[in-house]
Amino acid sequence: MLKKYYSSTIQRALDILSLFEDYNKLSFTQIQNILKFNKSTLFRVLYNLENNNYLSLDKHKRYELGLKIFILGNRISNANKLKKVASCYLKNFSERIKLTVHIGILDGLNVVIIDKYEPPNTIKMVSHIGGMVPAHCTGQGKVLLAYSSEEKVKRIIEYHGLKKYTSNTITTTEGLFKEINKIREVGYAFDNSEHENHIRCVAVPILNESNELEAAISITALSMDFNSRKIINKHLKMLKEIRDEIRRKIGYTRN
């Protein structure tokens, strides 16, 4: 480990959390005996972990993993499950239509690509698995915004801004909310070369049984491949069918 990047406070917090791989609950004294931390230092670290819901105290004043750990773990679990289920569908779909297919999620305030399939002998897209894309000017991003709360959308705008990438990029809050409302009405988003010139994209949401947002899947193509409403609608229909197959495979039966 490079010393210039080392943080003793963060390392202590990680050491404490790591104890719960082997223990369900631990008292302050037990943690202090195991890790040999100074008591005042240990108190400060435990206080912050508890205050941020990474640890909680039971009625016997013993520490256990908190709600935040469950939320983060559940998010990873859901994303991995979704990726595993969707993988074969999206791969086969990409090969069949000979276009690039993505699946992405909203991770905090960021749109993250969790899987991508490109057929052989096609122009390679700049996106990559694990990479982030702008929310306001991509098909996936706009779908994820449309099925998020207004408060979340405002926080994303405040955090990332509305950067202009092409002449078609939406760069006003009013314009973006107008687009979001339209997406909610029609059930899909269209990126008309708003992030990259000469690239178009159509995207749909994956919702769970409670109509809560899970992810978005999309088809990305050169503008010349998506050059008519008829062609776009044809691919949109197929994308929705693949989406519905993925939902059924996961176990979501309600439309």
C-alpha atoms as a PDB file:
ATOM      1  CA  MET A   1       0.000   0.000   0.000  1.00  0.00           C
ATOM      2  CA  LEU A   2       1.337   3.468  -0.929  1.00  0.00           C
ATOM      3  CA  LYS A   3       1.811   5.458   2.278  1.00  0.00           C
ATOM      4  CA  LYS A   4       0.668   8.733   0.734  1.00  0.00           C
ATOM      5  CA  TYR A   5      -2.802   7.241   0.112  1.00  0.00           C
ATOM      6  CA  TYR A   6      -3.127   5.509   3.476  1.00  0.00           C
ATOM      7  CA  SER A   7      -5.797   6.725   5.905  1.00  0.00           C
ATOM      8  CA  SER A   8      -5.586   5.239   9.390  1.00  0.00           C
ATOM      9  CA  THR A   9      -9.153   6.276  10.244  1.00  0.00           C
ATOM     10  CA  ILE A  10     -10.649   4.635   7.161  1.00  0.00           C
ATOM     11  CA  GLN A  11      -8.533   1.532   7.728  1.00  0.00           C
ATOM     12  CA  ARG A  12      -9.753   1.259  11.323  1.00  0.00           C
ATOM     13  CA  ALA A  13     -13.361   1.501  10.153  1.00  0.00           C
ATOM     14  CA  LEU A  14     -12.725  -1.255   7.606  1.00  0.00           C
ATOM     15  CA  ASP A  15     -11.009  -3.401  10.246  1.00  0.00           C
ATOM     16  CA  ILE A  16     -14.072  -3.067  12.476  1.00  0.00           C
ATOM     17  CA  LEU A  17     -16.520  -3.946   9.699  1.00  0.00           C
ATOM     18  CA  SER A  18     -14.376  -6.930   8.718  1.00  0.00           C
ATOM     19  CA  LEU A  19     -14.855  -8.421  12.196  1.00  0.00           C
ATOM     20  CA  PHE A  20     -18.485  -9.090  11.324  1.00  0.00           C
ATOM     21  CA  GLU A  21     -17.431 -11.686   8.767  1.00  0.00           C
ATOM     22  CA  ASP A  22     -16.845 -13.953  11.791  1.00  0.00           C
ATOM     23  CA  TYR A  23     -19.097 -12.443  14.477  1.00  0.00           C
ATOM     24  CA  ASN A  24     -22.792 -11.547  14.451  1.00  0.00           C
ATOM     25  CA  LYS A  25     -22.591  -9.167  17.417  1.00  0.00           C
ATOM     26  CA  LEU A  26     -19.736  -7.628  19.414  1.00  0.00           C
ATOM     27  CA  SER A  27     -19.562  -5.321  22.412  1.00  0.00           C
ATOM     28  CA  PHE A  28     -17.270  -2.305  22.596  1.00  0.00           C
ATOM     29  CA  THR A  29     -14.928  -4.209  24.920  1.00  0.00           C
ATOM     30  CA  GLN A  30     -14.804  -7.244  22.638  1.00  0.00           C
ATOM     31  CA  ILE A  31     -13.905  -5.087  19.627  1.00  0.00           C
ATOM     32  CA  GLN A  32     -11.250  -3.257  21.646  1.00  0.00           C
ATOM     33  CA  ASN A  33      -9.737  -6.539  22.897  1.00  0.00           C
ATOM     34  CA  ILE A  34      -9.571  -7.986  19.370  1.00  0.00           C
ATOM     35  CA  LEU A  35      -8.227  -4.947  17.524  1.00  0.00           C
ATOM     36  CA  LYS A  36      -6.270  -3.303  20.386  1.00  0.00           C
ATOM     37  CA  PHE A  37      -7.362   0.172  19.329  1.00  0.00           C
ATOM     38  CA  ASN A  38      -7.100   3.096  21.705  1.00  0.00           C
ATOM     39  CA  LYS A  39     -10.476   3.400  23.458  1.00  0.00           C
ATOM     40  CA  SER A  40     -11.116   7.043  22.545  1.00  0.00           C
ATOM     41  CA  THR A  41     -10.183   6.349  18.910  1.00  0.00           C
ATOM     42  CA  LEU A  42     -12.393   3.265  18.820  1.00  0.00           C
ATOM     43  CA  PHE A  43     -15.305   5.222  20.275  1.00  0.00           C
ATOM     44  CA  ARG A  44     -15.035   7.905  17.556  1.00  0.00           C
ATOM     45  CA  VAL A  45     -14.888   5.354  14.730  1.00  0.00           C
ATOM     46  CA  LEU A  46     -17.790   3.325  16.139  1.00  0.00           C
ATOM     47  CA  TYR A  47     -19.831   6.481  16.653  1.00  0.00           C
ATOM     48  CA  ASN A  48     -19.452   7.457  12.995  1.00  0.00           C
ATOM     49  CA  LEU A  49     -20.201   3.943  11.732  1.00  0.00           C
ATOM     50  CA  GLU A  50     -23.343   3.824  13.853  1.00  0.00           C
ATOM     51  CA  ASN A  51     -24.382   7.385  12.990  1.00  0.00           C
ATOM     52  CA  ASN A  52     -24.191   6.507   9.279  1.00  0.00           C
ATOM     53  CA  ASN A  53     -26.095   3.228   9.769  1.00  0.00           C
ATOM     54  CA  TYR A  54     -23.176   0.932   8.909  1.00  0.00           C
ATOM     55  CA  LEU A  55     -23.471  -0.470  12.451  1.00  0.00           C
ATOM     56  CA  SER A  56     -26.331  -0.529  14.947  1.00  0.00           C
ATOM     57  CA  LEU A  57     -26.605  -1.231  18.667  1.00  0.00           C
ATOM     58  CA  ASP A  58     -28.956  -3.828  20.114  1.00  0.00           C
ATOM     59  CA  LYS A  59     -30.644  -3.541  23.521  1.00  0.00           C
ATOM     60  CA  HIS A  60     -27.592  -5.119  25.184  1.00  0.00           C
ATOM     61  CA  LYS A  61     -25.284  -2.457  23.713  1.00  0.00           C
ATOM     62  CA  ARG A  62     -23.698  -4.899  21.277  1.00  0.00           C
ATOM     63  CA  TYR A  63     -22.817  -3.786  17.774  1.00  0.00           C
ATOM     64  CA  GLU A  64     -24.137  -5.512  14.667  1.00  0.00           C
ATOM     65  CA  LEU A  65     -24.195  -4.679  10.963  1.00  0.00           C
ATOM     66  CA  GLY A  66     -26.563  -1.833  10.171  1.00  0.00           C
ATOM     67  CA  LEU A  67     -29.193  -1.097   7.560  1.00  0.00           C
ATOM     68  CA  LYS A  68     -26.778   0.658   5.174  1.00  0.00           C
ATOM     69  CA  ILE A  69     -24.760  -2.555   4.784  1.00  0.00           C
ATOM     70  CA  PHE A  70     -27.952  -4.430   3.947  1.00  0.00           C
ATOM     71  CA  ILE A  71     -29.005  -1.800   1.397  1.00  0.00           C
ATOM     72  CA  LEU A  72     -25.619  -1.789  -0.338  1.00  0.00           C
ATOM     73  CA  GLY A  73     -25.387  -5.577  -0.313  1.00  0.00           C
ATOM     74  CA  ASN A  74     -28.908  -5.905  -1.647  1.00  0.00           C
ATOM     75  CA  ARG A  75     -28.135  -3.476  -4.461  1.00  0.00           C
ATOM     76  CA  ILE A  76     -25.116  -5.530  -5.526  1.00  0.00           C
ATOM     77  CA  SER A  77     -27.131  -8.726  -5.245  1.00  0.00           C
ATOM     78  CA  ASN A  78     -29.939  -7.373  -7.421  1.00  0.00           C
ATOM     79  CA  ALA A  79     -27.545  -6.034 -10.050  1.00  0.00           C
ATOM     80  CA  ASN A  80     -25.659  -9.337 -10.212  1.00  0.00           C
ATOM     81  CA  LYS A  81     -28.887 -11.333 -10.404  1.00  0.00           C
ATOM     82  CA  LEU A  82     -30.209  -9.102 -13.153  1.00  0.00           C
ATOM     83  CA  LYS A  83     -26.974  -9.319 -15.122  1.00  0.00           C
ATOM     84  CA  LYS A  84     -26.842 -13.100 -14.775  1.00  0.00           C
ATOM     85  CA  VAL A  85     -30.433 -13.572 -15.936  1.00  0.00           C
ATOM     86  CA  ALA A  86     -30.246 -11.042 -18.764  1.00  0.00           C
ATOM     87  CA  SER A  87     -26.871 -12.149 -20.107  1.00  0.00           C
ATOM     88  CA  CYS A  88     -27.888 -14.892 -22.534  1.00  0.00           C
ATOM     89  CA  TYR A  89     -30.968 -12.982 -23.745  1.00  0.00           C
ATOM     90  CA  LEU A  90     -29.005  -9.842 -24.559  1.00  0.00           C
ATOM     91  CA  LYS A  91     -26.107 -11.712 -26.154  1.00  0.00           C
ATOM     92  CA  ASN A  92     -28.416 -13.667 -28.467  1.00  0.00           C
ATOM     93  CA  PHE A  93     -30.454 -10.561 -29.195  1.00  0.00           C
ATOM     94  CA  SER A  94     -27.353  -8.543 -30.107  1.00  0.00           C
ATOM     95  CA  GLU A  95     -26.162 -11.266 -32.472  1.00  0.00           C
ATOM     96  CA  ARG A  96     -29.600 -11.539 -34.057  1.00  0.00           C
ATOM     97  CA  ILE A  97     -30.089  -7.834 -34.772  1.00  0.00           C
ATOM     98  CA  LYS A  98     -26.354  -7.182 -35.359  1.00  0.00           C
ATOM     99  CA  LEU A  99     -26.410  -4.107 -33.118  1.00  0.00           C
ATOM    100  CA  THR A 100     -24.960  -3.182 -29.712  1.00  0.00           C
ATOM    101  CA  VAL A 101     -27.095  -3.880 -26.637  1.00  0.00           C
ATOM    102  CA  HIS A 102     -26.542  -2.428 -23.147  1.00  0.00           C
ATOM    103  CA  ILE A 103     -28.029  -2.934 -19.711  1.00  0.00           C
ATOM    104  CA  GLY A 104     -27.493  -0.248 -17.087  1.00  0.00           C
ATOM    105  CA  ILE A 105     -28.567   0.768 -13.613  1.00  0.00           C
ATOM    106  CA  LEU A 106     -28.782   3.933 -11.574  1.00  0.00           C
ATOM    107  CA  ASP A 107     -26.132   3.558  -8.874  1.00  0.00           C
ATOM    108  CA  GLY A 108     -26.582   6.480  -6.526  1.00  0.00           C
ATOM    109  CA  LEU A 109     -26.364   9.507  -8.814  1.00  0.00           C
ATOM    110  CA  ASN A 110     -24.594   7.704 -11.651  1.00  0.00           C
ATOM    111  CA  VAL A 111     -25.753   5.674 -14.658  1.00  0.00           C
ATOM    112  CA  VAL A 112     -23.526   2.587 -14.764  1.00  0.00           C
ATOM    113  CA  ILE A 113     -23.319   0.043 -17.600  1.00  0.00           C
ATOM    114  CA  ILE A 114     -23.393  -3.431 -16.022  1.00  0.00           C
ATOM    115  CA  ASP A 115     -23.311  -5.409 -19.266  1.00  0.00           C
ATOM    116  CA  LYS A 116     -22.785  -4.851 -22.982  1.00  0.00           C
ATOM    117  CA  TYR A 117     -22.888  -7.017 -26.087  1.00  0.00           C
ATOM    118  CA  GLU A 118     -21.490  -6.117 -29.487  1.00  0.00           C
ATOM    119  CA  PRO A 119     -21.866  -8.414 -32.478  1.00  0.00           C
ATOM    120  CA  PRO A 120     -18.701  -9.251 -34.444  1.00  0.00           C
ATOM    121  CA  ASN A 121     -17.589  -7.012 -37.303  1.00  0.00           C
ATOM    122  CA  THR A 122     -19.430  -3.904 -36.116  1.00  0.00           C
ATOM    123  CA  ILE A 123     -18.151  -0.436 -35.266  1.00  0.00           C
ATOM    124  CA  LYS A 124     -17.138  -0.525 -31.595  1.00  0.00           C
ATOM    125  CA  MET A 125     -18.939   1.831 -29.228  1.00  0.00           C
ATOM    126  CA  VAL A 126     -16.958   3.824 -26.650  1.00  0.00           C
ATOM    127  CA  SER A 127     -19.058   2.561 -23.726  1.00  0.00           C
ATOM    128  CA  HIS A 128     -17.707  -0.234 -21.544  1.00  0.00           C
ATOM    129  CA  ILE A 129     -18.900  -2.498 -18.736  1.00  0.00           C
ATOM    130  CA  GLY A 130     -18.535  -0.718 -15.410  1.00  0.00           C
ATOM    131  CA  GLY A 131     -18.357   2.654 -17.133  1.00  0.00           C
ATOM    132  CA  MET A 132     -20.633   5.600 -16.457  1.00  0.00           C
ATOM    133  CA  VAL A 133     -22.668   7.506 -19.050  1.00  0.00           C
ATOM    134  CA  PRO A 134     -24.512  10.839 -18.760  1.00  0.00           C
ATOM    135  CA  ALA A 135     -28.099  10.552 -17.588  1.00  0.00           C
ATOM    136  CA  HIS A 136     -29.591  13.509 -19.472  1.00  0.00           C
ATOM    137  CA  CYS A 137     -28.523  12.635 -23.011  1.00  0.00           C
ATOM    138  CA  THR A 138     -28.445   8.842 -23.361  1.00  0.00           C
ATOM    139  CA  GLY A 139     -31.331   6.461 -23.937  1.00  0.00           C
ATOM    140  CA  GLN A 140     -30.614   4.433 -20.809  1.00  0.00           C
ATOM    141  CA  GLY A 141     -29.977   7.520 -18.722  1.00  0.00           C
ATOM    142  CA  LYS A 142     -33.223   9.208 -19.707  1.00  0.00           C
ATOM    143  CA  VAL A 143     -35.233   6.050 -19.008  1.00  0.00           C
ATOM    144  CA  LEU A 144     -33.620   5.726 -15.582  1.00  0.00           C
ATOM    145  CA  LEU A 145     -34.417   9.366 -14.828  1.00  0.00           C
ATOM    146  CA  ALA A 146     -38.001   9.002 -16.039  1.00  0.00           C
ATOM    147  CA  TYR A 147     -38.716   6.200 -13.585  1.00  0.00           C
ATOM    148  CA  SER A 148     -36.967   7.864 -10.642  1.00  0.00           C
ATOM    149  CA  SER A 149     -38.414  10.384  -8.195  1.00  0.00           C
ATOM    150  CA  GLU A 150     -38.414  14.085  -9.056  1.00  0.00           C
ATOM    151  CA  GLU A 151     -36.165  14.698  -6.048  1.00  0.00           C
ATOM    152  CA  LYS A 152     -33.625  12.160  -7.345  1.00  0.00           C
ATOM    153  CA  VAL A 153     -33.654  13.717 -10.813  1.00  0.00           C
ATOM    154  CA  LYS A 154     -33.017  17.173  -9.356  1.00  0.00           C
ATOM    155  CA  ARG A 155     -30.109  15.844  -7.285  1.00  0.00           C
ATOM    156  CA  ILE A 156     -28.575  14.234 -10.384  1.00  0.00           C
ATOM    157  CA  ILE A 157     -28.936  17.473 -12.358  1.00  0.00           C
ATOM    158  CA  GLU A 158     -27.397  19.468  -9.507  1.00  0.00           C
ATOM    159  CA  TYR A 159     -24.515  17.014  -9.158  1.00  0.00           C
ATOM    160  CA  HIS A 160     -23.666  16.396 -12.829  1.00  0.00           C
ATOM    161  CA  GLY A 161     -25.108  19.426 -14.580  1.00  0.00           C
ATOM    162  CA  LEU A 162     -26.508  19.305 -18.118  1.00  0.00           C
ATOM    163  CA  LYS A 163     -23.399  19.313 -20.267  1.00  0.00           C
ATOM    164  CA  LYS A 164     -23.823  19.936 -23.988  1.00  0.00           C
ATOM    165  CA  TYR A 165     -22.334  17.077 -26.030  1.00  0.00           C
ATOM    166  CA  THR A 166     -23.953  17.667 -29.426  1.00  0.00           C
ATOM    167  CA  SER A 167     -26.321  20.156 -31.004  1.00  0.00           C
ATOM    168  CA  ASN A 168     -29.210  17.852 -29.946  1.00  0.00           C
ATOM    169  CA  THR A 169     -28.323  17.639 -26.235  1.00  0.00           C
ATOM    170  CA  ILE A 170     -31.023  18.821 -23.806  1.00  0.00           C
ATOM    171  CA  THR A 171     -29.311  21.431 -21.633  1.00  0.00           C
ATOM    172  CA  THR A 172     -32.154  22.953 -19.578  1.00  0.00           C
ATOM    173  CA  THR A 173     -33.936  21.535 -16.554  1.00  0.00           C
ATOM    174  CA  GLU A 174     -37.298  22.486 -18.057  1.00  0.00           C
ATOM    175  CA  GLY A 175     -36.466  20.701 -21.292  1.00  0.00           C
ATOM    176  CA  LEU A 176     -35.275  17.582 -19.492  1.00  0.00           C
ATOM    177  CA  PHE A 177     -38.401  17.303 -17.346  1.00  0.00           C
ATOM    178  CA  LYS A 178     -40.534  17.739 -20.464  1.00  0.00           C
ATOM    179  CA  GLU A 179     -38.614  14.851 -22.047  1.00  0.00           C
ATOM    180  CA  ILE A 180     -38.966  12.744 -18.890  1.00  0.00           C
ATOM    181  CA  ASN A 181     -42.742  13.234 -18.829  1.00  0.00           C
ATOM    182  CA  LYS A 182     -42.940  12.157 -22.469  1.00  0.00           C
ATOM    183  CA  ILE A 183     -40.902   9.010 -21.716  1.00  0.00           C
ATOM    184  CA  ARG A 184     -43.268   8.087 -18.882  1.00  0.00           C
ATOM    185  CA  GLU A 185     -46.222   8.416 -21.259  1.00  0.00           C
ATOM    186  CA  VAL A 186     -44.799   6.276 -24.085  1.00  0.00           C
ATOM    187  CA  GLY A 187     -42.708   3.850 -21.997  1.00  0.00           C
ATOM    188  CA  TYR A 188     -39.379   4.244 -23.780  1.00  0.00           C
ATOM    189  CA  ALA A 189     -36.609   6.770 -24.459  1.00  0.00           C
ATOM    190  CA  PHE A 190     -34.913   7.746 -27.697  1.00  0.00           C
ATOM    191  CA  ASP A 191     -31.442   9.265 -27.924  1.00  0.00           C
ATOM    192  CA  ASN A 192     -31.302  11.210 -31.183  1.00  0.00           C
ATOM    193  CA  SER A 193     -27.513  11.730 -31.353  1.00  0.00           C
ATOM    194  CA  GLU A 194     -27.673  13.655 -28.065  1.00  0.00           C
ATOM    195  CA  HIS A 195     -24.518  12.160 -26.542  1.00  0.00           C
ATOM    196  CA  GLU A 196     -22.510  11.209 -29.633  1.00  0.00           C
ATOM    197  CA  ASN A 197     -22.912  12.485 -33.167  1.00  0.00           C
ATOM    198  CA  HIS A 198     -24.207   9.920 -35.675  1.00  0.00           C
ATOM    199  CA  ILE A 199     -25.314   7.553 -32.864  1.00  0.00           C
ATOM    200  CA  ARG A 200     -28.934   6.796 -31.998  1.00  0.00           C
ATOM    201  CA  CYS A 201     -30.357   4.675 -29.218  1.00  0.00           C
ATOM    202  CA  VAL A 202     -33.708   3.359 -28.009  1.00  0.00           C
ATOM    203  CA  ALA A 203     -34.153   2.188 -24.393  1.00  0.00           C
ATOM    204  CA  VAL A 204     -36.837   0.692 -22.156  1.00  0.00           C
ATOM    205  CA  PRO A 205     -37.051   0.204 -18.378  1.00  0.00           C
ATOM    206  CA  ILE A 206     -37.086  -3.055 -16.438  1.00  0.00           C
ATOM    207  CA  LEU A 207     -39.514  -2.657 -13.535  1.00  0.00           C
ATOM    208  CA  ASN A 208     -40.115  -5.103 -10.693  1.00  0.00           C
ATOM    209  CA  GLU A 209     -43.443  -6.429  -9.412  1.00  0.00           C
ATOM    210  CA  SER A 210     -44.053  -3.185  -7.519  1.00  0.00           C
ATOM    211  CA  ASN A 211     -43.358  -1.040 -10.608  1.00  0.00           C
ATOM    212  CA  GLU A 212     -40.061   0.061  -9.075  1.00  0.00           C
ATOM    213  CA  LEU A 213     -37.107   0.689 -11.339  1.00  0.00           C
ATOM    214  CA  GLU A 214     -34.528  -2.076 -11.653  1.00  0.00           C
ATOM    215  CA  ALA A 215     -32.558  -1.230 -14.803  1.00  0.00           C
ATOM    216  CA  ALA A 216     -32.741  -0.089 -18.412  1.00  0.00           C
ATOM    217  CA  ILE A 217     -31.846  -1.974 -21.581  1.00  0.00           C
ATOM    218  CA  SER A 218     -31.083  -0.371 -24.903  1.00  0.00           C
ATOM    219  CA  ILE A 219     -30.136  -0.845 -28.531  1.00  0.00           C
ATOM    220  CA  THR A 220     -27.456   1.466 -29.907  1.00  0.00           C
ATOM    221  CA  ALA A 221     -26.903   1.985 -33.625  1.00  0.00           C
ATOM    222  CA  LEU A 222     -25.424   4.335 -36.172  1.00  0.00           C
ATOM    223  CA  SER A 223     -27.886   6.976 -37.340  1.00  0.00           C
ATOM    224  CA  MET A 224     -27.898   5.435 -40.817  1.00  0.00           C
ATOM    225  CA  ASP A 225     -29.071   2.114 -39.295  1.00  0.00           C
ATOM    226  CA  PHE A 226     -31.869   3.872 -37.378  1.00  0.00           C
ATOM    227  CA  ASN A 227     -32.875   6.135 -40.253  1.00  0.00           C
ATOM    228  CA  SER A 228     -36.650   5.740 -40.206  1.00  0.00           C
ATOM    229  CA  ARG A 229     -39.475   5.581 -37.702  1.00  0.00           C
ATOM    230  CA  LYS A 230     -40.483   2.180 -39.103  1.00  0.00           C
ATOM    231  CA  ILE A 231     -37.050   0.671 -38.391  1.00  0.00           C
ATOM    232  CA  ILE A 232     -36.893   2.198 -34.908  1.00  0.00           C
ATOM    233  CA  ASN A 233     -40.368   0.909 -34.035  1.00  0.00           C
ATOM    234  CA  LYS A 234     -39.439  -2.562 -35.267  1.00  0.00           C
ATOM    235  CA  HIS A 235     -36.399  -2.694 -32.981  1.00  0.00           C
ATOM    236  CA  LEU A 236     -38.328  -1.125 -30.094  1.00  0.00           C
ATOM    237  CA  LYS A 237     -40.951  -3.876 -30.333  1.00  0.00           C
ATOM    238  CA  MET A 238     -38.233  -6.563 -30.207  1.00  0.00           C
ATOM    239  CA  LEU A 239     -36.501  -4.800 -27.292  1.00  0.00           C
ATOM    240  CA  LYS A 240     -39.728  -4.781 -25.280  1.00  0.00           C
ATOM    241  CA  GLU A 241     -40.214  -8.496 -25.989  1.00  0.00           C
ATOM    242  CA  ILE A 242     -36.694  -9.269 -24.720  1.00  0.00           C
ATOM    243  CA  ARG A 243     -37.347  -7.067 -21.671  1.00  0.00           C
ATOM    244  CA  ASP A 244     -40.518  -8.999 -20.889  1.00  0.00           C
ATOM    245  CA  GLU A 245     -38.713 -12.333 -21.266  1.00  0.00           C
ATOM    246  CA  ILE A 246     -36.037 -11.179 -18.804  1.00  0.00           C
ATOM    247  CA  ARG A 247     -38.711 -10.060 -16.330  1.00  0.00           C
ATOM    248  CA  ARG A 248     -40.486 -13.429 -16.545  1.00  0.00           C
ATOM    249  CA  LYS A 249     -37.192 -15.272 -16.069  1.00  0.00           C
ATOM    250  CA  ILE A 250     -36.486 -13.242 -12.923  1.00  0.00           C
ATOM    251  CA  GLY A 251     -39.955 -14.087 -11.662  1.00  0.00           C
ATOM    252  CA  TYR A 252     -41.826 -10.858 -12.333  1.00  0.00           C
ATOM    253  CA  THR A 253     -45.201 -11.861 -13.684  1.00  0.00           C
ATOM    254  CA  ARG A 254     -47.130  -8.621 -13.274  1.00  0.00           C
ATOM    255  CA  ASN A 255     -47.002  -6.227 -16.255  1.00  0.00           C
END
